[in-house]
């Protein structure tokens, strides 16, 4: 009798174990391999196709009315600022484009998702990611460390300059010291990542005060500095100072770092390019290296297709993990999603939070976005296992589109 009971117990354990294994297999997160991304019919995943089609129609109808020439668009907007001349590459953009990822699978796409267009300030999210890799590896001991101690004097690469310095230049600095001032020496990595540094100075010919300048011109030069960490200001000159500091830490061009530690592991294409300004060159270990920009302000930044943007969005939805490999630590992702008192809907750049559902009223508060001018949006919604890349949409249309996408999903 005991043997018989033991036999049934063994059978029961096998059945339970098999059921558990089956459950694990069926709930395993799907990650697309390089060069291939499985597509599924929306109806096969319980998505209401008619509503999804309405969302796509709204996205197309809501295309930005700004010129498709990024250079002309620049001179109609940022180009009007002091020192607003473009110094990086521009390119004409494509048509309104998007991809919708549900539970890891492509369920809809429109426009030109293969086209490599400027992604503007979504570049900042890629920049903060490789700063995160440096922190995870211990190359940056703590984000509360001051940046100054990581950045040595920097020699500019100026091959057209005369070998012998003119007499009138003798005594002037020959190296770049971006964190040498009394204020800049107090700035931490965390301050730069949150855009609360109030970094002062001029970099690549652009004074920090000239980026989205104050309406009061008396505040442009020589105003009292805000203590780092106390005041938020979106400022691309300071972002570029972070990129320069990160280049010093890695001792390599940042696009190479991004490729090795983020883009290749997530199976991104080989077509994205991260560019800088034409005058943003330094000498690093005897080689000319471009310090890339953190966006398309004055040109440059990431040129990337929608599929690669979606892969990055899927990585951030899965909290830095890709197919069992932790590319960005849980700690870093949590920091990226943590706001501050000066800016309660912003984490690390460029992670826009939906605090109080102010940014996207139709989306859950747990959703976040990587946003660039244009608008370029990577919408990330862990609650619905949803990533949506929406490119070249007017800012007033984006909430309605996302609301429709969510409405089309199965009710949980």
Protein backbone atom coordinates (compact mmCIF):
# COMPACT_ATOMS: atom_id res chain seq x y z
CA UNK A 1 0.00 0.00 0.00
CA UNK A 2 2.87 2.37 0.87
CA UNK A 3 4.52 1.58 -2.46
CA UNK A 4 1.27 2.34 -4.25
CA UNK A 5 0.88 5.69 -2.47
CA UNK A 6 4.48 6.53 -3.25
CA UNK A 7 3.86 5.76 -6.90
CA UNK A 8 0.89 8.17 -7.05
CA UNK A 9 2.88 10.86 -5.22
CA UNK A 10 5.65 10.54 -7.80
CA UNK A 11 3.15 10.80 -10.66
CA UNK A 12 1.59 13.86 -9.03
CA UNK A 13 4.97 15.52 -8.62
CA UNK A 14 5.80 14.86 -12.26
CA UNK A 15 2.50 16.35 -13.41
CA UNK A 16 2.91 19.42 -11.19
CA UNK A 17 6.49 19.84 -12.33
CA UNK A 18 5.51 19.51 -15.99
CA UNK A 19 2.66 21.99 -15.55
CA UNK A 20 5.02 24.42 -13.84
CA UNK A 21 7.57 24.07 -16.63
CA UNK A 22 4.88 24.59 -19.23
CA UNK A 23 3.67 27.70 -17.42
CA UNK A 24 7.20 29.03 -17.31
CA UNK A 25 7.65 28.41 -21.02
CA UNK A 26 4.39 30.08 -21.96
CA UNK A 27 5.13 33.16 -19.84
CA UNK A 28 8.71 33.62 -21.02
CA UNK A 29 9.26 37.14 -22.35
CA UNK A 30 9.91 37.31 -26.07
CA UNK A 31 13.00 39.16 -27.25
CA UNK A 32 13.60 39.60 -30.99
CA UNK A 33 16.88 38.35 -32.39
CA UNK A 34 19.15 40.45 -34.58
CA UNK A 35 17.69 40.97 -38.03
CA UNK A 36 14.36 39.40 -37.16
CA UNK A 37 11.31 40.57 -35.24
CA UNK A 38 8.24 38.36 -35.14
CA UNK A 39 5.02 40.01 -36.25
CA UNK A 40 1.59 38.88 -35.13
CA UNK A 41 -1.87 39.76 -36.28
CA UNK A 42 -3.50 42.03 -33.68
CA UNK A 43 -6.60 39.82 -33.53
CA UNK A 44 -4.47 36.79 -32.59
CA UNK A 45 -3.47 38.66 -29.42
CA UNK A 46 -6.96 39.86 -28.55
CA UNK A 47 -6.40 43.38 -29.89
CA UNK A 48 -9.33 45.22 -31.44
CA UNK A 49 -8.07 45.91 -34.94
CA UNK A 50 -10.62 48.59 -35.80
CA UNK A 51 -9.59 50.68 -32.79
CA UNK A 52 -5.91 50.08 -33.51
CA UNK A 53 -6.46 51.27 -37.07
CA UNK A 54 -8.14 54.38 -35.66
CA UNK A 55 -4.99 55.03 -33.59
CA UNK A 56 -2.79 54.73 -36.68
CA UNK A 57 -5.08 57.04 -38.65
CA UNK A 58 -4.85 59.59 -35.83
CA UNK A 59 -1.04 59.34 -35.86
CA UNK A 60 -0.90 59.95 -39.60
CA UNK A 61 -3.38 62.83 -39.42
CA UNK A 62 -1.44 64.30 -36.50
CA UNK A 63 1.84 64.52 -38.38
CA UNK A 64 3.91 67.54 -37.44
CA UNK A 65 3.29 70.54 -39.66
CA UNK A 66 6.93 71.64 -39.37
CA UNK A 67 9.15 71.41 -42.47
CA UNK A 68 10.55 68.00 -43.31
CA UNK A 69 13.91 69.66 -43.85
CA UNK A 70 15.52 69.50 -40.42
CA UNK A 71 17.90 72.29 -41.37
CA UNK A 72 15.11 74.68 -42.39
CA UNK A 73 13.16 73.66 -39.30
CA UNK A 74 16.20 74.45 -37.15
CA UNK A 75 16.50 77.98 -38.50
CA UNK A 76 12.79 78.53 -37.93
CA UNK A 77 13.13 77.51 -34.27
CA UNK A 78 16.43 77.09 -32.38
CA UNK A 79 18.32 78.94 -35.10
CA UNK A 80 16.77 82.18 -33.87
CA UNK A 81 18.62 81.91 -30.55
CA UNK A 82 21.93 83.73 -29.93
CA UNK A 83 24.76 81.68 -31.48
CA UNK A 84 22.05 79.56 -33.08
CA UNK A 85 23.97 78.54 -36.20
CA UNK A 86 23.90 74.84 -37.03
CA UNK A 87 27.24 73.12 -36.53
CA UNK A 88 26.22 69.48 -36.91
CA UNK A 89 24.66 67.47 -39.74
CA UNK A 90 20.98 67.78 -40.61
CA UNK A 91 18.88 65.62 -42.92
CA UNK A 92 15.38 65.73 -44.33
CA UNK A 93 13.00 63.52 -42.38
CA UNK A 94 10.52 60.97 -43.65
CA UNK A 95 6.78 60.68 -43.28
CA UNK A 96 4.83 60.02 -40.09
CA UNK A 97 6.05 56.65 -38.84
CA UNK A 98 5.36 54.23 -36.02
CA UNK A 99 5.62 50.73 -34.60
CA UNK A 100 3.48 49.15 -31.89
CA UNK A 101 5.01 46.38 -29.79
CA UNK A 102 2.70 44.28 -27.59
CA UNK A 103 4.20 41.62 -25.33
CA UNK A 104 7.35 41.87 -27.42
CA UNK A 105 5.73 41.27 -30.82
CA UNK A 106 5.14 43.76 -33.61
CA UNK A 107 1.37 44.12 -33.99
CA UNK A 108 1.27 47.22 -36.19
CA UNK A 109 3.53 49.57 -38.11
CA UNK A 110 3.16 52.45 -40.54
CA UNK A 111 5.20 54.95 -42.48
CA UNK A 112 8.91 54.27 -43.00
CA UNK A 113 10.14 52.29 -39.97
CA UNK A 114 13.39 51.31 -41.75
CA UNK A 115 14.35 54.92 -42.38
CA UNK A 116 17.21 56.40 -40.32
CA UNK A 117 16.02 59.84 -39.25
CA UNK A 118 17.25 62.30 -36.65
CA UNK A 119 15.80 61.36 -33.30
CA UNK A 120 16.81 64.61 -31.57
CA UNK A 121 16.70 64.39 -27.76
CA UNK A 122 15.93 60.68 -27.58
CA UNK A 123 19.72 60.67 -28.02
CA UNK A 124 19.91 61.75 -24.38
CA UNK A 125 18.42 58.44 -23.26
CA UNK A 126 21.19 56.58 -25.09
CA UNK A 127 23.77 58.88 -23.50
CA UNK A 128 22.43 58.32 -19.99
CA UNK A 129 22.40 54.56 -20.68
CA UNK A 130 26.14 54.40 -21.34
CA UNK A 131 26.82 56.58 -18.32
CA UNK A 132 24.78 53.93 -16.51
CA UNK A 133 26.97 51.14 -17.88
CA UNK A 134 30.05 53.03 -16.64
CA UNK A 135 28.46 53.33 -13.18
CA UNK A 136 27.45 49.66 -13.16
CA UNK A 137 31.03 48.70 -14.03
CA UNK A 138 32.51 50.87 -11.28
CA UNK A 139 34.17 53.23 -13.72
CA UNK A 140 32.13 55.90 -11.97
CA UNK A 141 32.26 55.07 -8.28
CA UNK A 142 29.07 56.90 -7.39
CA UNK A 143 26.64 59.21 -9.18
CA UNK A 144 27.02 61.54 -6.20
CA UNK A 145 30.73 61.98 -7.02
CA UNK A 146 31.68 65.33 -8.49
CA UNK A 147 32.40 65.08 -12.21
CA UNK A 148 35.50 67.28 -12.01
CA UNK A 149 37.74 64.59 -10.57
CA UNK A 150 37.00 62.30 -13.55
CA UNK A 151 37.84 64.85 -16.24
CA UNK A 152 41.48 65.80 -16.89
CA UNK A 153 42.54 68.79 -19.00
CA UNK A 154 41.35 68.17 -22.56
CA UNK A 155 43.32 69.04 -25.67
CA UNK A 156 41.21 70.24 -28.58
CA UNK A 157 41.94 68.69 -31.95
CA UNK A 158 42.70 71.69 -34.16
CA UNK A 159 44.78 70.55 -37.14
CA UNK A 160 44.37 73.90 -38.90
CA UNK A 161 45.89 75.87 -36.02
CA UNK A 162 49.48 77.10 -36.47
CA UNK A 163 52.13 75.12 -34.62
CA UNK A 164 53.59 78.28 -33.11
CA UNK A 165 51.12 80.28 -31.04
CA UNK A 166 50.75 83.94 -32.00
CA UNK A 167 52.21 86.34 -29.46
CA UNK A 168 48.77 87.73 -28.58
CA UNK A 169 47.65 84.25 -27.47
CA UNK A 170 50.54 83.60 -25.10
CA UNK A 171 49.27 83.08 -21.58
CA UNK A 172 45.79 82.00 -22.66
CA UNK A 173 44.64 78.45 -21.74
CA UNK A 174 45.74 75.85 -24.27
CA UNK A 175 43.56 73.08 -22.82
CA UNK A 176 39.85 72.73 -22.12
CA UNK A 177 38.85 72.66 -18.43
CA UNK A 178 35.05 72.14 -18.47
CA UNK A 179 34.69 71.58 -14.72
CA UNK A 180 37.32 73.94 -13.33
CA UNK A 181 35.21 76.89 -12.15
CA UNK A 182 34.21 77.14 -8.49
CA UNK A 183 30.62 76.31 -9.36
CA UNK A 184 31.34 73.55 -11.87
CA UNK A 185 33.64 71.76 -9.43
CA UNK A 186 30.60 71.07 -7.21
CA UNK A 187 28.50 69.40 -9.93
CA UNK A 188 27.84 65.67 -9.61
CA UNK A 189 27.01 63.07 -12.24
CA UNK A 190 23.51 62.93 -10.80
CA UNK A 191 23.10 66.68 -11.31
CA UNK A 192 24.05 66.45 -14.98
CA UNK A 193 21.84 63.43 -15.59
CA UNK A 194 18.84 65.19 -14.06
CA UNK A 195 19.55 68.52 -15.79
CA UNK A 196 19.81 70.29 -12.45
CA UNK A 197 23.52 71.18 -12.63
CA UNK A 198 23.37 74.83 -13.78
CA UNK A 199 26.77 74.16 -15.41
CA UNK A 200 28.35 77.42 -16.58
CA UNK A 201 30.53 78.01 -19.58
CA UNK A 202 30.83 77.70 -23.35
CA UNK A 203 31.29 74.41 -25.16
CA UNK A 204 31.76 73.92 -28.91
CA UNK A 205 31.09 77.62 -29.45
CA UNK A 206 27.74 77.57 -27.65
CA UNK A 207 27.36 79.44 -24.31
CA UNK A 208 25.01 77.64 -21.94
CA UNK A 209 22.90 80.78 -21.51
CA UNK A 210 22.22 80.91 -25.27
CA UNK A 211 20.28 77.62 -25.24
CA UNK A 212 16.62 78.57 -24.76
CA UNK A 213 17.76 81.96 -23.39
CA UNK A 214 15.92 83.74 -20.62
CA UNK A 215 13.45 86.38 -21.76
CA UNK A 216 15.37 88.83 -19.58
CA UNK A 217 18.67 89.45 -21.41
CA UNK A 218 20.16 90.83 -18.19
CA UNK A 219 20.25 87.27 -16.87
CA UNK A 220 22.22 85.86 -19.78
CA UNK A 221 25.71 86.57 -18.49
CA UNK A 222 27.03 86.75 -14.94
CA UNK A 223 23.85 85.85 -13.06
CA UNK A 224 24.21 84.11 -9.67
CA UNK A 225 24.41 80.33 -10.05
CA UNK A 226 21.83 77.96 -8.59
CA UNK A 227 23.19 75.32 -6.26
CA UNK A 228 23.50 72.05 -8.20
CA UNK A 229 20.49 69.81 -7.69
CA UNK A 230 18.05 72.60 -6.82
CA UNK A 231 16.76 73.95 -10.17
CA UNK A 232 15.83 72.04 -13.33
CA UNK A 233 16.68 73.51 -16.72
CA UNK A 234 16.59 71.66 -20.01
CA UNK A 235 19.87 72.65 -21.64
CA UNK A 236 21.77 70.94 -24.45
CA UNK A 237 25.11 72.64 -23.78
CA UNK A 238 25.15 70.96 -20.36
CA UNK A 239 24.14 67.66 -21.92
CA UNK A 240 27.11 67.98 -24.25
CA UNK A 241 29.32 68.64 -21.23
CA UNK A 242 28.09 65.31 -19.84
CA UNK A 243 28.93 63.60 -23.13
CA UNK A 244 32.44 65.07 -23.01
CA UNK A 245 32.89 63.89 -19.41
CA UNK A 246 31.66 60.39 -20.33
CA UNK A 247 34.13 60.30 -23.22
CA UNK A 248 36.92 61.00 -20.73
CA UNK A 249 35.74 58.15 -18.50
CA UNK A 250 35.46 55.61 -21.31
CA UNK A 251 38.59 56.85 -23.19
CA UNK A 252 36.75 55.80 -26.35
CA UNK A 253 34.27 57.33 -28.77
CA UNK A 254 30.84 56.97 -27.18
CA UNK A 255 29.18 55.46 -30.29
CA UNK A 256 31.59 52.52 -29.99
CA UNK A 257 30.62 52.08 -26.33
CA UNK A 258 26.92 52.22 -27.12
CA UNK A 259 27.32 49.66 -29.89
CA UNK A 260 29.22 47.20 -27.72
CA UNK A 261 27.19 47.38 -24.52
CA UNK A 262 23.66 48.24 -25.66
CA UNK A 263 22.91 48.16 -29.37
CA UNK A 264 24.61 44.91 -30.39
CA UNK A 265 23.23 42.94 -27.41
CA UNK A 266 19.65 44.06 -28.19
CA UNK A 267 20.08 43.09 -31.84
CA UNK A 268 19.92 46.61 -33.27
CA UNK A 269 20.70 47.12 -36.93
CA UNK A 270 24.03 48.35 -38.24
CA UNK A 271 22.48 51.49 -39.72
CA UNK A 272 22.19 53.84 -36.73
CA UNK A 273 24.76 56.61 -36.40
CA UNK A 274 25.58 58.91 -33.48
CA UNK A 275 27.08 62.16 -34.69
CA UNK A 276 28.49 65.27 -33.06
CA UNK A 277 29.38 68.78 -34.14
CA UNK A 278 32.01 69.51 -36.74
CA UNK A 279 34.11 71.43 -34.21
CA UNK A 280 33.67 68.97 -31.30
CA UNK A 281 36.94 67.09 -31.70
CA UNK A 282 39.50 66.33 -29.00
CA UNK A 283 42.83 64.52 -28.80
CA UNK A 284 42.43 61.31 -26.82
CA UNK A 285 45.38 58.98 -26.34
CA UNK A 286 47.02 60.44 -29.43
CA UNK A 287 43.95 60.03 -31.64
CA UNK A 288 41.32 62.53 -32.83
CA UNK A 289 37.97 61.63 -31.27
CA UNK A 290 34.63 63.35 -31.74
CA UNK A 291 32.73 64.19 -28.58
CA UNK A 292 29.18 63.45 -29.72
CA UNK A 293 26.16 65.60 -28.95
CA UNK A 294 23.21 64.68 -26.78
CA UNK A 295 20.59 65.71 -29.31
CA UNK A 296 19.85 67.51 -32.55
CA UNK A 297 20.08 71.04 -31.17
CA UNK A 298 22.44 72.73 -33.70
CA UNK A 299 22.44 69.46 -35.69
CA UNK A 300 23.80 65.99 -35.04
CA UNK A 301 22.73 63.44 -32.46
CA UNK A 302 21.37 59.98 -33.23
CA UNK A 303 20.18 59.05 -36.71
CA UNK A 304 18.25 55.83 -36.19
CA UNK A 305 15.33 53.80 -37.52
CA UNK A 306 12.10 53.07 -35.64
CA UNK A 307 12.87 49.37 -35.15
CA UNK A 308 16.06 50.15 -33.25
CA UNK A 309 14.21 52.75 -31.17
CA UNK A 310 11.61 50.10 -30.34
CA UNK A 311 14.30 47.64 -29.26
CA UNK A 312 15.68 50.24 -26.86
CA UNK A 313 12.16 50.86 -25.55
CA UNK A 314 11.64 47.13 -24.99
CA UNK A 315 14.95 47.03 -23.09
CA UNK A 316 13.83 49.81 -20.76
CA UNK A 317 10.39 48.23 -20.27
CA UNK A 318 12.16 45.06 -19.16
CA UNK A 319 14.21 47.08 -16.66
CA UNK A 320 17.51 46.80 -18.45
CA UNK A 321 17.33 43.06 -19.09
CA UNK A 322 17.52 41.50 -22.55
CA UNK A 323 17.00 37.78 -23.01
CA UNK A 324 18.54 36.92 -19.64
CA UNK A 325 21.37 39.45 -19.83
CA UNK A 326 21.28 42.49 -17.52
CA UNK A 327 22.60 45.28 -19.74
CA UNK A 328 21.60 48.05 -17.34
CA UNK A 329 21.28 47.27 -13.65
CA UNK A 330 17.96 47.37 -11.80
CA UNK A 331 19.52 50.08 -9.64
CA UNK A 332 20.22 52.25 -12.68
CA UNK A 333 16.74 51.77 -14.11
CA UNK A 334 15.20 52.71 -10.77
CA UNK A 335 17.30 55.87 -10.63
CA UNK A 336 16.24 56.71 -14.18
CA UNK A 337 12.61 56.43 -13.09
CA UNK A 338 13.02 58.44 -9.88
CA UNK A 339 12.04 62.12 -10.08
CA UNK A 340 13.36 64.97 -7.97
CA UNK A 341 11.74 67.87 -6.16
CA UNK A 342 12.78 70.42 -8.83
CA UNK A 343 11.21 68.29 -11.60
CA UNK A 344 8.66 65.73 -10.44
CA UNK A 345 8.01 64.27 -13.91
CA UNK A 346 11.62 63.73 -15.01
CA UNK A 347 14.12 61.08 -14.00
CA UNK A 348 17.47 60.67 -15.69
CA UNK A 349 17.58 62.15 -19.15
CA UNK A 350 15.58 61.62 -21.22
CA UNK A 351 13.10 59.62 -19.14
CA UNK A 352 9.88 61.62 -18.97
CA UNK A 353 7.59 60.31 -16.25
CA UNK A 354 3.81 60.43 -16.30
CA UNK A 355 3.54 61.79 -12.76
CA UNK A 356 -0.05 62.69 -11.97
CA UNK A 357 -0.84 61.67 -15.57
CA UNK A 358 -0.02 65.24 -16.60
CA UNK A 359 2.09 64.47 -19.67
CA UNK A 360 -0.18 61.74 -21.04
CA UNK A 361 -3.61 61.83 -19.36
CA UNK A 362 -4.80 58.76 -21.30
CA UNK A 363 -1.89 56.62 -20.11
CA UNK A 364 -1.26 55.03 -16.71
CA UNK A 365 0.94 56.89 -14.24
CA UNK A 366 3.48 54.05 -14.44
CA UNK A 367 4.16 54.74 -18.11
CA UNK A 368 7.20 56.74 -19.21
CA UNK A 369 8.57 58.09 -22.46
CA UNK A 370 11.85 58.84 -24.17
CA UNK A 371 11.06 62.05 -26.04
CA UNK A 372 12.81 64.06 -28.72
CA UNK A 373 11.84 67.09 -30.73
CA UNK A 374 9.88 66.39 -33.88
CA UNK A 375 8.16 64.85 -32.01
CA UNK A 376 9.99 61.53 -31.68
CA UNK A 377 8.52 59.36 -28.94
CA UNK A 378 9.32 55.96 -27.46
CA UNK A 379 6.28 55.27 -25.28
CA UNK A 380 6.94 52.60 -22.64
CA UNK A 381 4.04 51.09 -20.69
CA UNK A 382 4.98 48.19 -18.39
CA UNK A 383 1.42 47.91 -17.09
CA UNK A 384 0.17 47.00 -20.57
CA UNK A 385 3.40 45.30 -21.82
CA UNK A 386 3.37 47.93 -24.54
CA UNK A 387 6.00 49.92 -26.42
CA UNK A 388 5.03 52.37 -29.15
CA UNK A 389 7.43 54.35 -31.33
CA UNK A 390 5.68 57.36 -32.83
CA UNK A 391 7.71 59.67 -35.04
CA UNK A 392 6.98 63.13 -36.45
CA UNK A 393 3.76 63.68 -34.55
CA UNK A 394 2.44 67.00 -33.35
CA UNK A 395 2.64 67.18 -29.56
CA UNK A 396 -1.07 67.91 -29.29
CA UNK A 397 -1.95 64.61 -30.99
CA UNK A 398 0.26 62.16 -29.11
CA UNK A 399 -2.01 61.57 -26.08
CA UNK A 400 -5.03 60.79 -28.26
CA UNK A 401 -3.01 58.27 -30.29
CA UNK A 402 -1.66 56.52 -27.21
CA UNK A 403 -5.12 56.52 -25.65
CA UNK A 404 -6.53 54.75 -28.71
CA UNK A 405 -3.74 52.17 -28.69
CA UNK A 406 -4.47 51.35 -25.06
CA UNK A 407 -8.20 51.20 -25.78
CA UNK A 408 -7.52 48.56 -28.45
CA UNK A 409 -5.70 46.22 -26.05
CA UNK A 410 -7.40 43.30 -24.28
CA UNK A 411 -8.89 44.18 -20.90
CA UNK A 412 -6.81 42.64 -18.14
